[in-house]
Amino acid sequence: MSLIEKIGLVSSVILPLWNIPLIVRIIKRGSSNDISRSWALGVWVCLLLMAPSGFTSADIVWRTFNAVNLVLFTVVVIIVLKYHKGKTA
């Protein structure tokens, strides 16, 4: 594995970890109202549709990023839906 591939592989794991502070912030506040449910679900659906490409790719960086990002963003979507308050009158 070349140095560029190693850097890409490390980055493919680190990038999705930026979802963790978002998850923690939502839980601490007890609200995800500043995040659109349609945005979160739209991104998640796109990730699901890209997943087969990632899981079958020969590129280790793409495969790794796809797996880690799908898992962590699934947690984001669950937390957003759980902590989203309906509109109050």
PDB file of N, CA and C in Angstrom:
ATOM      1  N   MET A   1       0.864  -1.174   0.000  1.00  0.00           N
ATOM      2  CA  MET A   1       0.000   0.000   0.000  1.00  0.00           C
ATOM      3  C   MET A   1       0.909   1.236   0.000  1.00  0.00           C
ATOM      4  N   SER A   2       0.615   2.157  -0.897  1.00  0.00           N
ATOM      5  CA  SER A   2       1.426   3.370  -1.006  1.00  0.00           C
ATOM      6  C   SER A   2       1.084   4.351   0.121  1.00  0.00           C
ATOM      7  N   LEU A   3       1.951   5.337   0.288  1.00  0.00           N
ATOM      8  CA  LEU A   3       1.725   6.356   1.317  1.00  0.00           C
ATOM      9  C   LEU A   3       0.414   7.098   1.062  1.00  0.00           C
ATOM     10  N   ILE A   4       0.128   7.405  -0.171  1.00  0.00           N
ATOM     11  CA  ILE A   4      -1.118   8.116  -0.503  1.00  0.00           C
ATOM     12  C   ILE A   4      -2.335   7.266  -0.138  1.00  0.00           C
ATOM     13  N   GLU A   5      -2.254   5.967  -0.393  1.00  0.00           N
ATOM     14  CA  GLU A   5      -3.363   5.078  -0.026  1.00  0.00           C
ATOM     15  C   GLU A   5      -3.518   4.987   1.498  1.00  0.00           C
ATOM     16  N   LYS A   6      -2.398   4.959   2.214  1.00  0.00           N
ATOM     17  CA  LYS A   6      -2.463   4.912   3.678  1.00  0.00           C
ATOM     18  C   LYS A   6      -3.088   6.190   4.236  1.00  0.00           C
ATOM     19  N   ILE A   7      -2.700   7.331   3.677  1.00  0.00           N
ATOM     20  CA  ILE A   7      -3.285   8.605   4.108  1.00  0.00           C
ATOM     21  C   ILE A   7      -4.777   8.617   3.817  1.00  0.00           C
ATOM     22  N   GLY A   8      -5.148   8.159   2.635  1.00  0.00           N
ATOM     23  CA  GLY A   8      -6.566   8.085   2.272  1.00  0.00           C
ATOM     24  C   GLY A   8      -7.347   7.164   3.178  1.00  0.00           C
ATOM     25  N   LEU A   9      -6.751   6.036   3.548  1.00  0.00           N
ATOM     26  CA  LEU A   9      -7.425   5.076   4.421  1.00  0.00           C
ATOM     27  C   LEU A   9      -7.654   5.667   5.813  1.00  0.00           C
ATOM     28  N   VAL A  10      -6.628   6.312   6.355  1.00  0.00           N
ATOM     29  CA  VAL A  10      -6.771   6.957   7.662  1.00  0.00           C
ATOM     30  C   VAL A  10      -7.845   8.042   7.594  1.00  0.00           C
ATOM     31  N   SER A  11      -7.819   8.826   6.533  1.00  0.00           N
ATOM     32  CA  SER A  11      -8.809   9.900   6.365  1.00  0.00           C
ATOM     33  C   SER A  11     -10.217   9.343   6.197  1.00  0.00           C
ATOM     34  N   SER A  12     -10.342   8.185   5.552  1.00  0.00           N
ATOM     35  CA  SER A  12     -11.667   7.594   5.339  1.00  0.00           C
ATOM     36  C   SER A  12     -12.311   7.159   6.643  1.00  0.00           C
ATOM     37  N   VAL A  13     -11.493   6.927   7.657  1.00  0.00           N
ATOM     38  CA  VAL A  13     -12.020   6.584   8.984  1.00  0.00           C
ATOM     39  C   VAL A  13     -12.253   7.853   9.802  1.00  0.00           C
ATOM     40  N   ILE A  14     -11.333   8.809   9.703  1.00  0.00           N
ATOM     41  CA  ILE A  14     -11.424  10.034  10.513  1.00  0.00           C
ATOM     42  C   ILE A  14     -12.585  10.929  10.081  1.00  0.00           C
ATOM     43  N   LEU A  15     -12.791  11.095   8.797  1.00  0.00           N
ATOM     44  CA  LEU A  15     -13.838  12.016   8.322  1.00  0.00           C
ATOM     45  C   LEU A  15     -15.209  11.730   8.924  1.00  0.00           C
ATOM     46  N   PRO A  16     -15.699  10.503   8.878  1.00  0.00           N
ATOM     47  CA  PRO A  16     -17.024  10.252   9.466  1.00  0.00           C
ATOM     48  C   PRO A  16     -17.078  10.438  10.984  1.00  0.00           C
ATOM     49  N   LEU A  17     -15.928  10.425  11.651  1.00  0.00           N
ATOM     50  CA  LEU A  17     -15.924  10.618  13.104  1.00  0.00           C
ATOM     51  C   LEU A  17     -16.406  12.013  13.492  1.00  0.00           C
ATOM     52  N   TRP A  18     -16.422  12.938  12.544  1.00  0.00           N
ATOM     53  CA  TRP A  18     -16.942  14.281  12.829  1.00  0.00           C
ATOM     54  C   TRP A  18     -18.440  14.256  13.092  1.00  0.00           C
ATOM     55  N   ASN A  19     -19.091  13.132  12.846  1.00  0.00           N
ATOM     56  CA  ASN A  19     -20.508  12.990  13.203  1.00  0.00           C
ATOM     57  C   ASN A  19     -20.683  12.856  14.719  1.00  0.00           C
ATOM     58  N   ILE A  20     -19.669  12.377  15.415  1.00  0.00           N
ATOM     59  CA  ILE A  20     -19.787  12.138  16.855  1.00  0.00           C
ATOM     60  C   ILE A  20     -20.056  13.429  17.636  1.00  0.00           C
ATOM     61  N   PRO A  21     -19.335  14.544  17.391  1.00  0.00           N
ATOM     62  CA  PRO A  21     -19.669  15.768  18.120  1.00  0.00           C
ATOM     63  C   PRO A  21     -21.104  16.241  17.861  1.00  0.00           C
ATOM     64  N   LEU A  22     -21.594  16.025  16.653  1.00  0.00           N
ATOM     65  CA  LEU A  22     -22.978  16.385  16.342  1.00  0.00           C
ATOM     66  C   LEU A  22     -23.944  15.550  17.172  1.00  0.00           C
ATOM     67  N   ILE A  23     -23.697  14.264  17.252  1.00  0.00           N
ATOM     68  CA  ILE A  23     -24.544  13.371  18.043  1.00  0.00           C
ATOM     69  C   ILE A  23     -24.536  13.797  19.515  1.00  0.00           C
ATOM     70  N   VAL A  24     -23.348  14.054  20.037  1.00  0.00           N
ATOM     71  CA  VAL A  24     -23.214  14.450  21.443  1.00  0.00           C
ATOM     72  C   VAL A  24     -23.941  15.766  21.701  1.00  0.00           C
ATOM     73  N   ARG A  25     -23.787  16.740  20.791  1.00  0.00           N
ATOM     74  CA  ARG A  25     -24.439  18.045  20.965  1.00  0.00           C
ATOM     75  C   ARG A  25     -25.961  17.905  20.993  1.00  0.00           C
ATOM     76  N   ILE A  26     -26.504  17.098  20.112  1.00  0.00           N
ATOM     77  CA  ILE A  26     -27.956  16.896  20.080  1.00  0.00           C
ATOM     78  C   ILE A  26     -28.436  16.272  21.387  1.00  0.00           C
ATOM     79  N   ILE A  27     -27.726  15.262  21.859  1.00  0.00           N
ATOM     80  CA  ILE A  27     -28.129  14.585  23.091  1.00  0.00           C
ATOM     81  C   ILE A  27     -28.035  15.536  24.276  1.00  0.00           C
ATOM     82  N   LYS A  28     -26.954  16.311  24.364  1.00  0.00           N
ATOM     83  CA  LYS A  28     -26.795  17.260  25.475  1.00  0.00           C
ATOM     84  C   LYS A  28     -27.902  18.302  25.494  1.00  0.00           C
ATOM     85  N   ARG A  29     -28.267  18.824  24.318  1.00  0.00           N
ATOM     86  CA  ARG A  29     -29.325  19.833  24.248  1.00  0.00           C
ATOM     87  C   ARG A  29     -30.704  19.228  24.367  1.00  0.00           C
ATOM     88  N   GLY A  30     -30.819  17.969  24.010  1.00  0.00           N
ATOM     89  CA  GLY A  30     -32.119  17.324  24.033  1.00  0.00           C
ATOM     90  C   GLY A  30     -33.005  17.745  22.872  1.00  0.00           C
ATOM     91  N   SER A  31     -32.381  18.296  21.831  1.00  0.00           N
ATOM     92  CA  SER A  31     -33.147  18.764  20.674  1.00  0.00           C
ATOM     93  C   SER A  31     -32.290  18.691  19.416  1.00  0.00           C
ATOM     94  N   SER A  32     -32.941  18.340  18.316  1.00  0.00           N
ATOM     95  CA  SER A  32     -32.282  18.371  17.008  1.00  0.00           C
ATOM     96  C   SER A  32     -33.053  19.291  16.058  1.00  0.00           C
ATOM     97  N   ASN A  33     -33.791  20.239  16.628  1.00  0.00           N
ATOM     98  CA  ASN A  33     -34.629  21.109  15.797  1.00  0.00           C
ATOM     99  C   ASN A  33     -33.844  21.964  14.811  1.00  0.00           C
ATOM    100  N   ASP A  34     -32.556  22.184  15.047  1.00  0.00           N
ATOM    101  CA  ASP A  34     -31.767  22.976  14.110  1.00  0.00           C
ATOM    102  C   ASP A  34     -31.299  22.152  12.908  1.00  0.00           C
ATOM    103  N   ILE A  35     -31.644  20.877  12.892  1.00  0.00           N
ATOM    104  CA  ILE A  35     -31.270  19.991  11.784  1.00  0.00           C
ATOM    105  C   ILE A  35     -32.550  19.503  11.115  1.00  0.00           C
ATOM    106  N   SER A  36     -32.631  19.706   9.833  1.00  0.00           N
ATOM    107  CA  SER A  36     -33.808  19.303   9.078  1.00  0.00           C
ATOM    108  C   SER A  36     -33.897  17.780   8.997  1.00  0.00           C
ATOM    109  N   ARG A  37     -35.067  17.273   9.328  1.00  0.00           N
ATOM    110  CA  ARG A  37     -35.284  15.826   9.203  1.00  0.00           C
ATOM    111  C   ARG A  37     -35.170  15.394   7.748  1.00  0.00           C
ATOM    112  N   SER A  38     -35.697  16.204   6.839  1.00  0.00           N
ATOM    113  CA  SER A  38     -35.623  15.836   5.417  1.00  0.00           C
ATOM    114  C   SER A  38     -34.185  15.835   4.919  1.00  0.00           C
ATOM    115  N   TRP A  39     -33.354  16.759   5.420  1.00  0.00           N
ATOM    116  CA  TRP A  39     -31.945  16.763   5.040  1.00  0.00           C
ATOM    117  C   TRP A  39     -31.270  15.487   5.535  1.00  0.00           C
ATOM    118  N   ALA A  40     -31.460  15.167   6.813  1.00  0.00           N
ATOM    119  CA  ALA A  40     -30.821  13.984   7.393  1.00  0.00           C
ATOM    120  C   ALA A  40     -31.259  12.714   6.664  1.00  0.00           C
ATOM    121  N   LEU A  41     -32.549  12.580   6.413  1.00  0.00           N
ATOM    122  CA  LEU A  41     -33.044  11.393   5.710  1.00  0.00           C
ATOM    123  C   LEU A  41     -32.586  11.368   4.258  1.00  0.00           C
ATOM    124  N   GLY A  42     -32.518  12.531   3.615  1.00  0.00           N
ATOM    125  CA  GLY A  42     -32.048  12.607   2.234  1.00  0.00           C
ATOM    126  C   GLY A  42     -30.601  12.178   2.098  1.00  0.00           C
ATOM    127  N   VAL A  43     -29.757  12.662   2.992  1.00  0.00           N
ATOM    128  CA  VAL A  43     -28.341  12.260   2.976  1.00  0.00           C
ATOM    129  C   VAL A  43     -28.227  10.772   3.247  1.00  0.00           C
ATOM    130  N   TRP A  44     -28.985  10.269   4.213  1.00  0.00           N
ATOM    131  CA  TRP A  44     -28.926   8.856   4.571  1.00  0.00           C
ATOM    132  C   TRP A  44     -29.363   7.951   3.418  1.00  0.00           C
ATOM    133  N   VAL A  45     -30.436   8.339   2.728  1.00  0.00           N
ATOM    134  CA  VAL A  45     -30.897   7.554   1.580  1.00  0.00           C
ATOM    135  C   VAL A  45     -29.820   7.535   0.490  1.00  0.00           C
ATOM    136  N   CYS A  46     -29.191   8.671   0.249  1.00  0.00           N
ATOM    137  CA  CYS A  46     -28.110   8.711  -0.745  1.00  0.00           C
ATOM    138  C   CYS A  46     -26.950   7.808  -0.331  1.00  0.00           C
ATOM    139  N   LEU A  47     -26.620   7.805   0.955  1.00  0.00           N
ATOM    140  CA  LEU A  47     -25.561   6.915   1.439  1.00  0.00           C
ATOM    141  C   LEU A  47     -25.947   5.452   1.237  1.00  0.00           C
ATOM    142  N   LEU A  48     -27.208   5.133   1.492  1.00  0.00           N
ATOM    143  CA  LEU A  48     -27.677   3.761   1.271  1.00  0.00           C
ATOM    144  C   LEU A  48     -27.578   3.369  -0.200  1.00  0.00           C
ATOM    145  N   LEU A  49     -27.924   4.304  -1.079  1.00  0.00           N
ATOM    146  CA  LEU A  49     -27.877   4.009  -2.509  1.00  0.00           C
ATOM    147  C   LEU A  49     -26.439   3.883  -3.022  1.00  0.00           C
ATOM    148  N   MET A  50     -25.499   4.578  -2.387  1.00  0.00           N
ATOM    149  CA  MET A  50     -24.091   4.480  -2.771  1.00  0.00           C
ATOM    150  C   MET A  50     -23.413   3.261  -2.144  1.00  0.00           C
ATOM    151  N   ALA A  51     -23.983   2.707  -1.094  1.00  0.00           N
ATOM    152  CA  ALA A  51     -23.355   1.615  -0.347  1.00  0.00           C
ATOM    153  C   ALA A  51     -22.971   0.409  -1.209  1.00  0.00           C
ATOM    154  N   PRO A  52     -23.833  -0.063  -2.102  1.00  0.00           N
ATOM    155  CA  PRO A  52     -23.416  -1.217  -2.915  1.00  0.00           C
ATOM    156  C   PRO A  52     -22.137  -0.947  -3.716  1.00  0.00           C
ATOM    157  N   SER A  53     -22.004   0.251  -4.226  1.00  0.00           N
ATOM    158  CA  SER A  53     -20.790   0.612  -4.951  1.00  0.00           C
ATOM    159  C   SER A  53     -19.582   0.549  -4.032  1.00  0.00           C
ATOM    160  N   GLY A  54     -19.746   1.076  -2.826  1.00  0.00           N
ATOM    161  CA  GLY A  54     -18.645   1.077  -1.876  1.00  0.00           C
ATOM    162  C   GLY A  54     -18.272  -0.314  -1.396  1.00  0.00           C
ATOM    163  N   PHE A  55     -19.264  -1.118  -1.109  1.00  0.00           N
ATOM    164  CA  PHE A  55     -19.004  -2.450  -0.561  1.00  0.00           C
ATOM    165  C   PHE A  55     -18.401  -3.405  -1.584  1.00  0.00           C
ATOM    166  N   THR A  56     -18.633  -3.151  -2.862  1.00  0.00           N
ATOM    167  CA  THR A  56     -18.104  -4.037  -3.905  1.00  0.00           C
ATOM    168  C   THR A  56     -16.869  -3.468  -4.596  1.00  0.00           C
ATOM    169  N   SER A  57     -16.450  -2.289  -4.207  1.00  0.00           N
ATOM    170  CA  SER A  57     -15.296  -1.648  -4.834  1.00  0.00           C
ATOM    171  C   SER A  57     -13.987  -2.340  -4.453  1.00  0.00           C
ATOM    172  N   ALA A  58     -13.046  -2.324  -5.374  1.00  0.00           N
ATOM    173  CA  ALA A  58     -11.705  -2.845  -5.084  1.00  0.00           C
ATOM    174  C   ALA A  58     -10.891  -1.827  -4.297  1.00  0.00           C
ATOM    175  N   ASP A  59     -11.357  -0.589  -4.262  1.00  0.00           N
ATOM    176  CA  ASP A  59     -10.644   0.493  -3.573  1.00  0.00           C
ATOM    177  C   ASP A  59     -10.908   0.426  -2.074  1.00  0.00           C
ATOM    178  N   ILE A  60      -9.873   0.131  -1.306  1.00  0.00           N
ATOM    179  CA  ILE A  60     -10.004  -0.023   0.153  1.00  0.00           C
ATOM    180  C   ILE A  60     -10.444   1.274   0.821  1.00  0.00           C
ATOM    181  N   VAL A  61     -10.007   2.402   0.296  1.00  0.00           N
ATOM    182  CA  VAL A  61     -10.376   3.695   0.887  1.00  0.00           C
ATOM    183  C   VAL A  61     -11.876   3.919   0.728  1.00  0.00           C
ATOM    184  N   TRP A  62     -12.410   3.706  -0.453  1.00  0.00           N
ATOM    185  CA  TRP A  62     -13.842   3.887  -0.708  1.00  0.00           C
ATOM    186  C   TRP A  62     -14.672   2.904   0.108  1.00  0.00           C
ATOM    187  N   ARG A  63     -14.232   1.642   0.163  1.00  0.00           N
ATOM    188  CA  ARG A  63     -14.960   0.634   0.950  1.00  0.00           C
ATOM    189  C   ARG A  63     -15.009   1.015   2.427  1.00  0.00           C
ATOM    190  N   THR A  64     -13.864   1.414   2.961  1.00  0.00           N
ATOM    191  CA  THR A  64     -13.790   1.770   4.379  1.00  0.00           C
ATOM    192  C   THR A  64     -14.626   2.994   4.686  1.00  0.00           C
ATOM    193  N   PHE A  65     -14.480   4.033   3.865  1.00  0.00           N
ATOM    194  CA  PHE A  65     -15.258   5.259   4.081  1.00  0.00           C
ATOM    195  C   PHE A  65     -16.743   4.954   4.044  1.00  0.00           C
ATOM    196  N   ASN A  66     -17.156   4.175   3.070  1.00  0.00           N
ATOM    197  CA  ASN A  66     -18.567   3.843   2.916  1.00  0.00           C
ATOM    198  C   ASN A  66     -19.107   3.152   4.159  1.00  0.00           C
ATOM    199  N   ALA A  67     -18.385   2.178   4.668  1.00  0.00           N
ATOM    200  CA  ALA A  67     -18.847   1.424   5.834  1.00  0.00           C
ATOM    201  C   ALA A  67     -18.914   2.306   7.085  1.00  0.00           C
ATOM    202  N   VAL A  68     -17.828   3.019   7.366  1.00  0.00           N
ATOM    203  CA  VAL A  68     -17.777   3.839   8.574  1.00  0.00           C
ATOM    204  C   VAL A  68     -18.802   4.970   8.498  1.00  0.00           C
ATOM    205  N   ASN A  69     -18.889   5.618   7.354  1.00  0.00           N
ATOM    206  CA  ASN A  69     -19.823   6.738   7.201  1.00  0.00           C
ATOM    207  C   ASN A  69     -21.271   6.269   7.293  1.00  0.00           C
ATOM    208  N   LEU A  70     -21.580   5.143   6.694  1.00  0.00           N
ATOM    209  CA  LEU A  70     -22.954   4.631   6.751  1.00  0.00           C
ATOM    210  C   LEU A  70     -23.360   4.319   8.193  1.00  0.00           C
ATOM    211  N   VAL A  71     -22.475   3.690   8.945  1.00  0.00           N
ATOM    212  CA  VAL A  71     -22.778   3.356  10.342  1.00  0.00           C
ATOM    213  C   VAL A  71     -22.983   4.627  11.167  1.00  0.00           C
ATOM    214  N   LEU A  72     -22.028   5.549  11.087  1.00  0.00           N
ATOM    215  CA  LEU A  72     -22.118   6.752  11.930  1.00  0.00           C
ATOM    216  C   LEU A  72     -23.259   7.665  11.501  1.00  0.00           C
ATOM    217  N   PHE A  73     -23.505   7.789  10.203  1.00  0.00           N
ATOM    218  CA  PHE A  73     -24.607   8.654   9.793  1.00  0.00           C
ATOM    219  C   PHE A  73     -25.955   8.016  10.106  1.00  0.00           C
ATOM    220  N   THR A  74     -26.021   6.700  10.149  1.00  0.00           N
ATOM    221  CA  THR A  74     -27.253   6.038  10.595  1.00  0.00           C
ATOM    222  C   THR A  74     -27.549   6.426  12.035  1.00  0.00           C
ATOM    223  N   VAL A  75     -26.513   6.482  12.865  1.00  0.00           N
ATOM    224  CA  VAL A  75     -26.694   6.921  14.254  1.00  0.00           C
ATOM    225  C   VAL A  75     -27.174   8.371  14.283  1.00  0.00           C
ATOM    226  N   VAL A  76     -26.595   9.231  13.431  1.00  0.00           N
ATOM    227  CA  VAL A  76     -27.033  10.631  13.356  1.00  0.00           C
ATOM    228  C   VAL A  76     -28.523  10.698  13.039  1.00  0.00           C
ATOM    229  N   VAL A  77     -28.959   9.957  12.046  1.00  0.00           N
ATOM    230  CA  VAL A  77     -30.369   9.991  11.641  1.00  0.00           C
ATOM    231  C   VAL A  77     -31.267   9.507  12.775  1.00  0.00           C
ATOM    232  N   ILE A  78     -30.883   8.451  13.444  1.00  0.00           N
ATOM    233  CA  ILE A  78     -31.676   7.949  14.566  1.00  0.00           C
ATOM    234  C   ILE A  78     -31.791   9.007  15.652  1.00  0.00           C
ATOM    235  N   ILE A  79     -30.680   9.649  15.989  1.00  0.00           N
ATOM    236  CA  ILE A  79     -30.678  10.676  17.034  1.00  0.00           C
ATOM    237  C   ILE A  79     -31.483  11.898  16.590  1.00  0.00           C
ATOM    238  N   VAL A  80     -31.325  12.318  15.340  1.00  0.00           N
ATOM    239  CA  VAL A  80     -32.097  13.466  14.838  1.00  0.00           C
ATOM    240  C   VAL A  80     -33.588  13.176  14.935  1.00  0.00           C
ATOM    241  N   LEU A  81     -34.009  12.002  14.510  1.00  0.00           N
ATOM    242  CA  LEU A  81     -35.429  11.658  14.568  1.00  0.00           C
ATOM    243  C   LEU A  81     -35.929  11.535  16.009  1.00  0.00           C
ATOM    244  N   LYS A  82     -35.114  10.972  16.862  1.00  0.00           N
ATOM    245  CA  LYS A  82     -35.514  10.792  18.261  1.00  0.00           C
ATOM    246  C   LYS A  82     -35.656  12.130  18.985  1.00  0.00           C
ATOM    247  N   TYR A  83     -34.752  13.077  18.710  1.00  0.00           N
ATOM    248  CA  TYR A  83     -34.722  14.341  19.465  1.00  0.00           C
ATOM    249  C   TYR A  83     -35.390  15.498  18.733  1.00  0.00           C
ATOM    250  N   HIS A  84     -36.022  15.232  17.595  1.00  0.00           N
ATOM    251  CA  HIS A  84     -36.691  16.327  16.873  1.00  0.00           C
ATOM    252  C   HIS A  84     -38.065  16.551  17.468  1.00  0.00           C
ATOM    253  N   LYS A  85     -38.290  17.766  17.892  1.00  0.00           N
ATOM    254  CA  LYS A  85     -39.577  18.125  18.475  1.00  0.00           C
ATOM    255  C   LYS A  85     -40.513  18.615  17.370  1.00  0.00           C
ATOM    256  N   GLY A  86     -41.766  18.249  17.457  1.00  0.00           N
ATOM    257  CA  GLY A  86     -42.748  18.748  16.508  1.00  0.00           C
ATOM    258  C   GLY A  86     -42.971  20.240  16.691  1.00  0.00           C
ATOM    259  N   LYS A  87     -43.546  20.870  15.688  1.00  0.00           N
ATOM    260  CA  LYS A  87     -43.821  22.302  15.786  1.00  0.00           C
ATOM    261  C   LYS A  87     -44.862  22.567  16.868  1.00  0.00           C
ATOM    262  N   THR A  88     -44.587  23.582  17.673  1.00  0.00           N
ATOM    263  CA  THR A  88     -45.549  23.965  18.705  1.00  0.00           C
ATOM    264  C   THR A  88     -46.266  25.229  18.269  1.00  0.00           C
ATOM    265  N   ALA A  89     -47.517  25.334  18.647  1.00  0.00           N
ATOM    266  CA  ALA A  89     -48.335  26.460  18.210  1.00  0.00           C
ATOM    267  C   ALA A  89     -48.007  27.658  18.960  1.00  0.00           C
TER     268      ALA A  89
END
